[in-house]
Amino acid sequence: MKKEHVLHCQFSAWYPLFRSLTIKSVILPLPQNVKDYLLDDGTLVVSGREDPPTHSQPDSDDEGEEIQWSDDENTATLTAPEFPEFTTTVQEAINSLGGSVFPKLNWSAPRDAYWIAMNSSLKCKTLSDIFLLFKSSDFITRDFTQPFIHCTDDSPDPCMEYELVLRKWCELIPGAEFRCFVKENKLIAISQRDYTQYYDHISKQKEEICRCIQDFFKKHIQYKFLDEDFVFDIYRDSRGFHLLPLFLRRPPSGVHCSVLSGLPWPGACAGCVFNPAQLLHGKVWLIDFNPFGEVTDSLLFTWEELISERNLKGDFSEGDALEQDSPAFRCTNSEVTVQPSPYLSYRLPKDFVDLSTGEDAHKLIDFLKLKRSQQEDD
């Protein structure tokens, strides 16, 4: 993986090419003073705490008041820096996207910090919501400080221009997200995105899901991305699939199905049409691109498998087997293999996590010495 591959996966590089296939978004340059504030290691004081103008609450006696806790007259009051112009620009962008957004930087979203938000979600309505998530996220810090950590070339790091990406908020079902791995412009593997949970419909429909993603890749992605090795995430909206049983028979008299396209039903109202393939596949949305390398989570595969292409074969029955060049498809096959969320560890201080997992031997030794010293004192 080279640095140019990482640069090609930043949002502003691919969004203009695939705008029609993905969620509506707004890209804003991130001022240097905002970046400095987000990287500040001081006490977490969130800037831009005003309520959004469209959700003002009149008749509130406490509006604008701020409680300051102090047990010392000499204690300095911590105040957050303000960015009035940037705040206005961000709020206008949020309003243009419907009032709620999913925020990210050039590459990463603060998925590891969702727990700190009042709504336990990445759904943001104000700049203060975004700041709270960004300042609490290791993923965001990594974007700022180590964007090329796994790159193999020795060229100097390019000068980065950081951007705040605001994506229109959509209620996505985790069981409909998939990660797709492409090597030499060939789709070699597909993994269930939320691999910690078991979804019965994925196991039952994996052949159809695989075909659907292959069709989407060949039609919209293959040979159109800036690199030949990359990873992309998709969301498969299967609402069309659920409508299929209803329209396999003639629609009831008076039912208008103009939202569909294809061959007309005999006897249906004027303009009523039906396309079985469209309903069977459903709608596929492009979510994101990632570099083909260790910086990207390989989910149910290993990077050794993906790079060498060994042990990659379709997991389908003989009767439902796809063509020879089909990608390997993996999903969580039973509730026995369900795992805790990989983001749970981010709720604890890193020292606690290192102690519990034994990853840092020096911390464990110091901890045991401290316990021994306490016992001797007792």
Protein backbone atom coordinates (compact mmCIF):
# COMPACT_ATOMS: atom_id res chain seq x y z
CA MET A 1 0.00 0.00 0.00
CA LYS A 2 1.42 3.36 -1.05
CA LYS A 3 0.62 6.88 0.08
CA GLU A 4 -1.08 7.70 -3.20
CA HIS A 5 -3.52 4.82 -2.56
CA VAL A 6 -4.45 6.39 0.77
CA LEU A 7 -4.90 9.79 -0.85
CA HIS A 8 -7.19 8.33 -3.52
CA CYS A 9 -9.49 7.01 -0.78
CA GLN A 10 -10.08 10.31 0.95
CA PHE A 11 -13.67 11.38 0.53
CA SER A 12 -13.11 14.44 -1.66
CA ALA A 13 -11.10 12.36 -4.14
CA TRP A 14 -13.81 9.82 -4.96
CA TYR A 15 -17.10 11.60 -4.14
CA PRO A 16 -17.23 13.67 -7.39
CA LEU A 17 -16.77 10.46 -9.42
CA PHE A 18 -19.53 8.50 -7.70
CA ARG A 19 -21.87 11.22 -6.45
CA SER A 20 -24.96 9.62 -8.00
CA LEU A 21 -24.31 6.28 -6.27
CA THR A 22 -23.90 7.47 -2.73
CA ILE A 23 -25.50 9.52 0.04
CA LYS A 24 -25.73 13.27 -0.48
CA SER A 25 -22.84 15.01 1.28
CA VAL A 26 -21.18 18.38 1.81
CA ILE A 27 -17.38 18.83 2.05
CA LEU A 28 -16.04 21.80 4.05
CA PRO A 29 -12.37 22.85 4.42
CA LEU A 30 -11.24 22.48 8.02
CA PRO A 31 -9.59 25.68 9.30
CA GLN A 32 -6.20 25.27 10.97
CA ASN A 33 -7.45 26.71 14.28
CA VAL A 34 -10.25 24.13 14.35
CA LYS A 35 -7.75 21.34 13.72
CA ASP A 36 -5.56 22.67 16.55
CA TYR A 37 -8.56 22.71 18.87
CA LEU A 38 -9.49 19.11 17.98
CA LEU A 39 -5.94 17.93 18.66
CA ASP A 40 -5.61 19.82 21.94
CA ASP A 41 -5.02 17.34 24.76
CA GLY A 42 -6.38 19.64 27.44
CA THR A 43 -9.64 19.28 29.32
CA LEU A 44 -12.57 18.46 27.07
CA VAL A 45 -14.51 21.68 26.68
CA VAL A 46 -16.90 21.58 23.76
CA SER A 47 -17.15 24.63 21.54
CA GLY A 48 -20.25 25.86 19.73
CA ARG A 49 -22.84 24.84 22.30
CA GLU A 50 -25.67 26.96 20.97
CA ASP A 51 -28.90 25.18 20.09
CA PRO A 52 -29.59 25.02 16.33
CA PRO A 53 -31.69 28.01 15.27
CA THR A 54 -34.47 25.81 13.89
CA HIS A 55 -35.00 24.16 17.26
CA SER A 56 -35.10 27.13 19.62
CA GLN A 57 -37.10 26.73 22.82
CA PRO A 58 -38.95 29.93 23.79
CA ASP A 59 -40.20 30.60 27.32
CA SER A 60 -37.15 28.94 28.82
CA ASP A 61 -35.84 30.80 31.86
CA ASP A 62 -32.52 28.99 31.78
CA GLU A 63 -31.69 29.71 28.14
CA GLY A 64 -28.12 30.82 27.70
CA GLU A 65 -27.20 30.15 31.34
CA GLU A 66 -24.13 28.05 32.05
CA ILE A 67 -23.38 26.41 35.37
CA GLN A 68 -19.77 26.68 36.49
CA TRP A 69 -18.59 24.26 39.18
CA SER A 70 -15.75 25.44 41.37
CA ASP A 71 -14.64 24.86 44.97
CA ASP A 72 -11.87 27.42 44.81
CA GLU A 73 -12.19 31.12 44.16
CA ASN A 74 -8.85 31.06 42.36
CA THR A 75 -9.85 28.22 40.00
CA ALA A 76 -9.72 29.39 36.40
CA THR A 77 -12.90 28.92 34.39
CA LEU A 78 -12.35 26.77 31.31
CA THR A 79 -13.85 28.27 28.21
CA ALA A 80 -13.98 26.74 24.78
CA PRO A 81 -12.66 28.67 21.80
CA GLU A 82 -15.30 29.95 19.43
CA PHE A 83 -15.35 29.71 15.64
CA PRO A 84 -18.30 31.90 14.62
CA GLU A 85 -17.78 31.84 10.84
CA PHE A 86 -17.09 28.11 10.74
CA THR A 87 -20.04 27.44 13.06
CA THR A 88 -22.38 29.34 10.74
CA THR A 89 -21.03 27.55 7.65
CA VAL A 90 -21.42 24.12 9.27
CA GLN A 91 -24.94 24.84 10.49
CA GLU A 92 -26.02 26.01 7.03
CA ALA A 93 -24.64 22.79 5.56
CA ILE A 94 -26.43 20.69 8.19
CA ASN A 95 -29.70 22.45 7.47
CA SER A 96 -29.25 21.89 3.72
CA LEU A 97 -28.94 18.15 4.42
CA GLY A 98 -32.18 17.93 6.38
CA GLY A 99 -31.01 18.97 9.84
CA SER A 100 -29.11 15.80 10.83
CA VAL A 101 -25.77 14.53 9.53
CA PHE A 102 -23.18 11.78 9.85
CA PRO A 103 -19.75 13.49 10.25
CA LYS A 104 -16.29 12.28 9.25
CA LEU A 105 -12.87 13.55 8.27
CA ASN A 106 -11.04 12.79 5.02
CA TRP A 107 -11.10 9.06 5.77
CA SER A 108 -12.55 8.13 9.14
CA ALA A 109 -15.74 8.63 11.11
CA PRO A 110 -15.68 8.74 14.94
CA ARG A 111 -17.31 5.30 15.29
CA ASP A 112 -15.26 4.56 18.38
CA ALA A 113 -16.78 7.55 20.22
CA TYR A 114 -20.51 7.01 19.63
CA TRP A 115 -20.98 6.06 23.30
CA ILE A 116 -20.10 9.54 24.55
CA ALA A 117 -22.91 11.29 22.64
CA MET A 118 -26.16 12.02 24.46
CA ASN A 119 -28.05 9.93 21.90
CA SER A 120 -25.38 7.16 21.79
CA SER A 121 -25.23 7.72 18.06
CA LEU A 122 -23.19 9.49 15.39
CA LYS A 123 -26.26 11.54 14.43
CA CYS A 124 -25.30 15.21 14.76
CA LYS A 125 -27.41 18.34 14.55
CA THR A 126 -24.89 21.00 15.58
CA LEU A 127 -21.17 21.67 15.41
CA SER A 128 -20.93 21.00 19.15
CA ASP A 129 -22.24 17.46 18.57
CA ILE A 130 -19.48 16.96 15.99
CA PHE A 131 -16.77 18.42 18.23
CA LEU A 132 -17.74 16.13 21.11
CA LEU A 133 -17.38 13.05 18.91
CA PHE A 134 -14.21 14.19 17.14
CA LYS A 135 -12.37 15.16 20.33
CA SER A 136 -13.24 11.78 21.87
CA SER A 137 -12.23 9.65 18.90
CA ASP A 138 -8.94 7.83 18.38
CA PHE A 139 -9.94 7.24 14.75
CA ILE A 140 -10.09 10.98 14.13
CA THR A 141 -6.76 11.53 15.89
CA ARG A 142 -5.20 8.85 13.67
CA ASP A 143 -6.46 10.66 10.56
CA PHE A 144 -4.69 13.79 11.77
CA THR A 145 -1.45 12.27 13.03
CA GLN A 146 -0.86 8.94 11.24
CA PRO A 147 -2.74 8.84 7.94
CA PHE A 148 0.09 6.95 6.18
CA ILE A 149 1.09 4.63 9.04
CA HIS A 150 1.03 1.37 7.03
CA CYS A 151 2.39 2.72 3.75
CA THR A 152 5.48 1.00 2.35
CA ASP A 153 6.97 3.80 0.23
CA ASP A 154 9.62 6.10 1.71
CA SER A 155 8.53 9.28 -0.05
CA PRO A 156 7.84 12.34 2.12
CA ASP A 157 4.34 12.64 3.48
CA PRO A 158 2.24 14.90 1.22
CA CYS A 159 0.90 18.13 2.62
CA MET A 160 -2.63 17.40 3.78
CA GLU A 161 -5.65 19.65 3.52
CA TYR A 162 -8.15 18.35 6.02
CA GLU A 163 -11.88 18.48 5.42
CA LEU A 164 -15.04 18.08 7.43
CA VAL A 165 -17.41 15.78 5.58
CA LEU A 166 -21.11 16.01 6.42
CA ARG A 167 -23.30 13.21 5.08
CA LYS A 168 -27.09 13.35 5.12
CA TRP A 169 -28.28 11.21 8.02
CA CYS A 170 -29.91 7.95 6.95
CA GLU A 171 -31.18 5.18 9.20
CA LEU A 172 -29.11 2.28 7.89
CA ILE A 173 -29.67 -1.30 9.03
CA PRO A 174 -26.30 -2.79 10.10
CA GLY A 175 -27.26 -6.17 8.65
CA ALA A 176 -27.45 -4.66 5.16
CA GLU A 177 -23.86 -3.36 5.03
CA PHE A 178 -21.07 -5.26 3.29
CA ARG A 179 -17.35 -4.70 2.72
CA CYS A 180 -15.94 -5.61 -0.69
CA PHE A 181 -12.28 -6.28 -1.48
CA VAL A 182 -10.92 -5.58 -4.97
CA LYS A 183 -7.52 -6.70 -6.26
CA GLU A 184 -6.32 -5.87 -9.77
CA ASN A 185 -9.83 -4.60 -10.55
CA LYS A 186 -11.33 -7.97 -9.67
CA LEU A 187 -13.83 -8.40 -6.83
CA ILE A 188 -12.21 -11.16 -4.76
CA ALA A 189 -14.06 -11.11 -1.42
CA ILE A 190 -17.18 -9.83 0.33
CA SER A 191 -17.67 -9.71 4.10
CA GLN A 192 -20.61 -8.94 6.30
CA ARG A 193 -19.81 -5.49 7.73
CA ASP A 194 -21.32 -5.96 11.20
CA TYR A 195 -19.62 -9.32 11.73
CA THR A 196 -20.22 -9.34 15.50
CA GLN A 197 -23.92 -10.13 15.00
CA TYR A 198 -25.82 -12.96 13.36
CA TYR A 199 -28.40 -11.99 10.73
CA ASP A 200 -30.59 -14.81 9.55
CA HIS A 201 -31.50 -13.12 6.27
CA ILE A 202 -27.84 -12.90 5.18
CA SER A 203 -27.32 -16.65 5.53
CA LYS A 204 -30.49 -17.36 3.61
CA GLN A 205 -29.87 -14.84 0.81
CA LYS A 206 -26.08 -14.90 0.46
CA GLU A 207 -26.13 -16.16 -3.14
CA GLU A 208 -28.51 -13.38 -4.17
CA ILE A 209 -26.59 -10.78 -2.15
CA CYS A 210 -23.35 -11.82 -3.83
CA ARG A 211 -24.86 -11.59 -7.32
CA CYS A 212 -26.36 -8.21 -6.54
CA ILE A 213 -23.02 -6.80 -5.35
CA GLN A 214 -21.20 -8.28 -8.34
CA ASP A 215 -23.65 -6.63 -10.73
CA PHE A 216 -23.23 -3.30 -8.95
CA PHE A 217 -19.44 -3.57 -9.04
CA LYS A 218 -19.24 -4.46 -12.73
CA LYS A 219 -21.68 -1.74 -13.75
CA HIS A 220 -20.57 1.17 -11.58
CA ILE A 221 -17.18 0.60 -9.91
CA GLN A 222 -14.90 -1.66 -11.95
CA TYR A 223 -12.19 0.26 -13.88
CA LYS A 224 -13.66 3.57 -12.68
CA PHE A 225 -11.87 4.00 -9.37
CA LEU A 226 -8.44 5.65 -9.28
CA ASP A 227 -6.61 2.45 -8.26
CA GLU A 228 -6.88 -1.22 -9.19
CA ASP A 229 -6.54 -2.43 -5.57
CA PHE A 230 -9.05 -0.99 -3.10
CA VAL A 231 -11.85 -1.75 -0.66
CA PHE A 232 -15.36 -0.36 -0.87
CA ASP A 233 -18.39 -0.53 1.42
CA ILE A 234 -21.95 -0.81 0.18
CA TYR A 235 -25.44 -0.77 1.65
CA ARG A 236 -28.01 -3.07 0.08
CA ASP A 237 -31.51 -1.70 0.48
CA SER A 238 -33.64 -4.84 0.17
CA ARG A 239 -37.01 -3.15 0.58
CA GLY A 240 -37.64 -4.02 -3.06
CA PHE A 241 -37.02 -7.65 -2.21
CA HIS A 242 -39.74 -7.58 0.43
CA LEU A 243 -42.20 -6.20 -2.12
CA LEU A 244 -41.57 -9.08 -4.49
CA PRO A 245 -44.11 -11.60 -3.06
CA LEU A 246 -46.84 -8.95 -3.21
CA PHE A 247 -46.42 -8.37 -6.96
CA LEU A 248 -45.71 -11.90 -8.15
CA ARG A 249 -49.43 -12.06 -8.72
CA ARG A 250 -51.59 -9.52 -10.54
CA PRO A 251 -51.97 -6.33 -8.49
CA PRO A 252 -55.43 -5.76 -6.95
CA SER A 253 -57.77 -3.56 -8.93
CA GLY A 254 -56.96 0.12 -8.44
CA VAL A 255 -53.45 -0.45 -7.07
CA HIS A 256 -51.02 1.91 -8.78
CA CYS A 257 -47.42 0.74 -8.98
CA SER A 258 -45.84 3.56 -10.96
CA VAL A 259 -42.83 3.53 -8.64
CA LEU A 260 -41.65 0.41 -10.45
CA SER A 261 -40.19 0.22 -13.93
CA GLY A 262 -40.07 -2.56 -16.51
CA LEU A 263 -42.76 -4.66 -18.15
CA PRO A 264 -46.42 -3.65 -17.67
CA TRP A 265 -48.85 -5.89 -15.84
CA PRO A 266 -51.85 -7.01 -17.97
CA GLY A 267 -54.91 -5.23 -16.72
CA ALA A 268 -53.06 -2.90 -14.36
CA CYS A 269 -53.82 0.78 -14.31
CA ALA A 270 -52.25 2.91 -17.03
CA GLY A 271 -48.52 3.34 -16.42
CA CYS A 272 -48.27 0.44 -13.96
CA VAL A 273 -45.06 -1.45 -14.64
CA PHE A 274 -42.97 -4.17 -13.02
CA ASN A 275 -39.36 -5.27 -13.23
CA PRO A 276 -38.72 -8.51 -11.30
CA ALA A 277 -34.93 -8.17 -11.48
CA GLN A 278 -35.02 -4.69 -10.00
CA LEU A 279 -37.14 -5.80 -7.07
CA LEU A 280 -35.14 -8.96 -6.48
CA HIS A 281 -31.84 -7.08 -6.31
CA GLY A 282 -33.05 -4.02 -4.46
CA LYS A 283 -31.07 -0.77 -4.43
CA VAL A 284 -27.33 -0.75 -3.71
CA TRP A 285 -25.72 2.38 -2.30
CA LEU A 286 -22.00 3.10 -2.25
CA ILE A 287 -20.91 4.10 1.26
CA ASP A 288 -17.13 4.50 1.25
CA PHE A 289 -13.75 3.57 -0.22
CA ASN A 290 -10.74 2.36 1.78
CA PRO A 291 -7.14 1.44 0.93
CA PHE A 292 -6.34 -2.20 0.20
CA GLY A 293 -4.06 -2.82 3.18
CA GLU A 294 -3.74 -3.30 6.92
CA VAL A 295 -5.06 0.15 7.74
CA THR A 296 -8.49 -1.18 6.69
CA ASP A 297 -10.31 -3.73 8.84
CA SER A 298 -10.42 -7.05 6.95
CA LEU A 299 -13.43 -8.20 9.06
CA LEU A 300 -14.07 -11.94 8.47
CA PHE A 301 -10.97 -12.34 6.31
CA THR A 302 -7.28 -11.93 7.09
CA TRP A 303 -4.99 -9.70 5.08
CA GLU A 304 -2.74 -12.68 4.42
CA GLU A 305 -5.68 -14.40 2.69
CA LEU A 306 -6.63 -11.32 0.72
CA ILE A 307 -3.13 -10.47 -0.48
CA SER A 308 -2.18 -14.05 -1.39
CA GLU A 309 -5.72 -14.97 -2.52
CA ARG A 310 -5.27 -18.35 -0.87
CA ASN A 311 -8.27 -20.02 0.79
CA LEU A 312 -10.59 -17.62 -1.02
CA LYS A 313 -13.49 -19.51 -2.48
CA GLY A 314 -17.22 -19.04 -2.59
CA ASP A 315 -19.12 -20.59 0.30
CA PHE A 316 -22.13 -21.80 -1.69
CA SER A 317 -23.81 -25.13 -2.17
CA GLU A 318 -23.11 -26.96 -5.43
CA GLY A 319 -26.61 -26.33 -6.76
CA ASP A 320 -26.36 -22.60 -6.09
CA ALA A 321 -22.71 -22.16 -6.97
CA LEU A 322 -21.78 -19.04 -8.87
CA GLU A 323 -19.35 -18.81 -11.73
CA GLN A 324 -15.68 -19.63 -11.16
CA ASP A 325 -14.57 -16.02 -10.73
CA SER A 326 -17.09 -15.33 -7.98
CA PRO A 327 -15.76 -13.58 -4.88
CA ALA A 328 -15.50 -15.36 -1.57
CA PHE A 329 -18.45 -14.44 0.64
CA ARG A 330 -18.30 -14.68 4.44
CA CYS A 331 -20.89 -13.92 7.07
CA THR A 332 -21.56 -14.86 10.67
CA ASN A 333 -23.30 -18.20 10.26
CA SER A 334 -24.75 -18.78 13.73
CA GLU A 335 -25.53 -17.04 16.99
CA VAL A 336 -22.78 -19.10 18.65
CA THR A 337 -20.14 -16.97 16.90
CA VAL A 338 -21.64 -13.61 17.94
CA GLN A 339 -18.98 -11.33 19.46
CA PRO A 340 -19.01 -8.09 21.45
CA SER A 341 -18.65 -4.88 19.49
CA PRO A 342 -14.99 -4.06 18.70
CA TYR A 343 -15.69 -0.46 19.75
CA LEU A 344 -16.51 -1.36 23.38
CA SER A 345 -12.84 -1.20 24.41
CA TYR A 346 -12.77 2.51 23.53
CA ARG A 347 -15.08 3.25 26.46
CA LEU A 348 -12.26 2.47 28.92
CA PRO A 349 -8.91 4.22 29.42
CA LYS A 350 -6.23 2.55 27.32
CA ASP A 351 -4.23 1.61 30.43
CA PHE A 352 -7.16 -0.46 31.70
CA VAL A 353 -7.49 -2.23 28.34
CA ASP A 354 -3.76 -2.98 28.19
CA LEU A 355 -3.85 -4.43 31.71
CA SER A 356 -6.88 -6.60 31.04
CA THR A 357 -5.46 -8.01 27.81
CA GLY A 358 -1.83 -8.24 28.90
CA GLU A 359 -0.73 -6.34 25.79
CA ASP A 360 1.65 -4.09 27.74
CA ALA A 361 3.89 -6.23 29.95
CA HIS A 362 5.53 -3.20 31.60
CA LYS A 363 2.18 -1.84 32.82
CA LEU A 364 1.27 -5.27 34.17
CA ILE A 365 4.59 -5.53 36.06
CA ASP A 366 4.13 -2.03 37.53
CA PHE A 367 0.59 -2.95 38.58
CA LEU A 368 1.75 -6.16 40.33
CA LYS A 369 4.54 -4.27 42.11
CA LEU A 370 2.02 -1.71 43.32
CA LYS A 371 -0.31 -4.43 44.64
CA ARG A 372 2.58 -6.16 46.39
CA SER A 373 3.68 -2.88 47.99
CA GLN A 374 0.13 -2.27 49.23
CA GLN A 375 -0.05 -5.75 50.73
CA GLU A 376 3.27 -5.25 52.53
CA ASP A 377 2.04 -1.93 53.96
CA ASP A 378 -1.08 -3.66 55.27
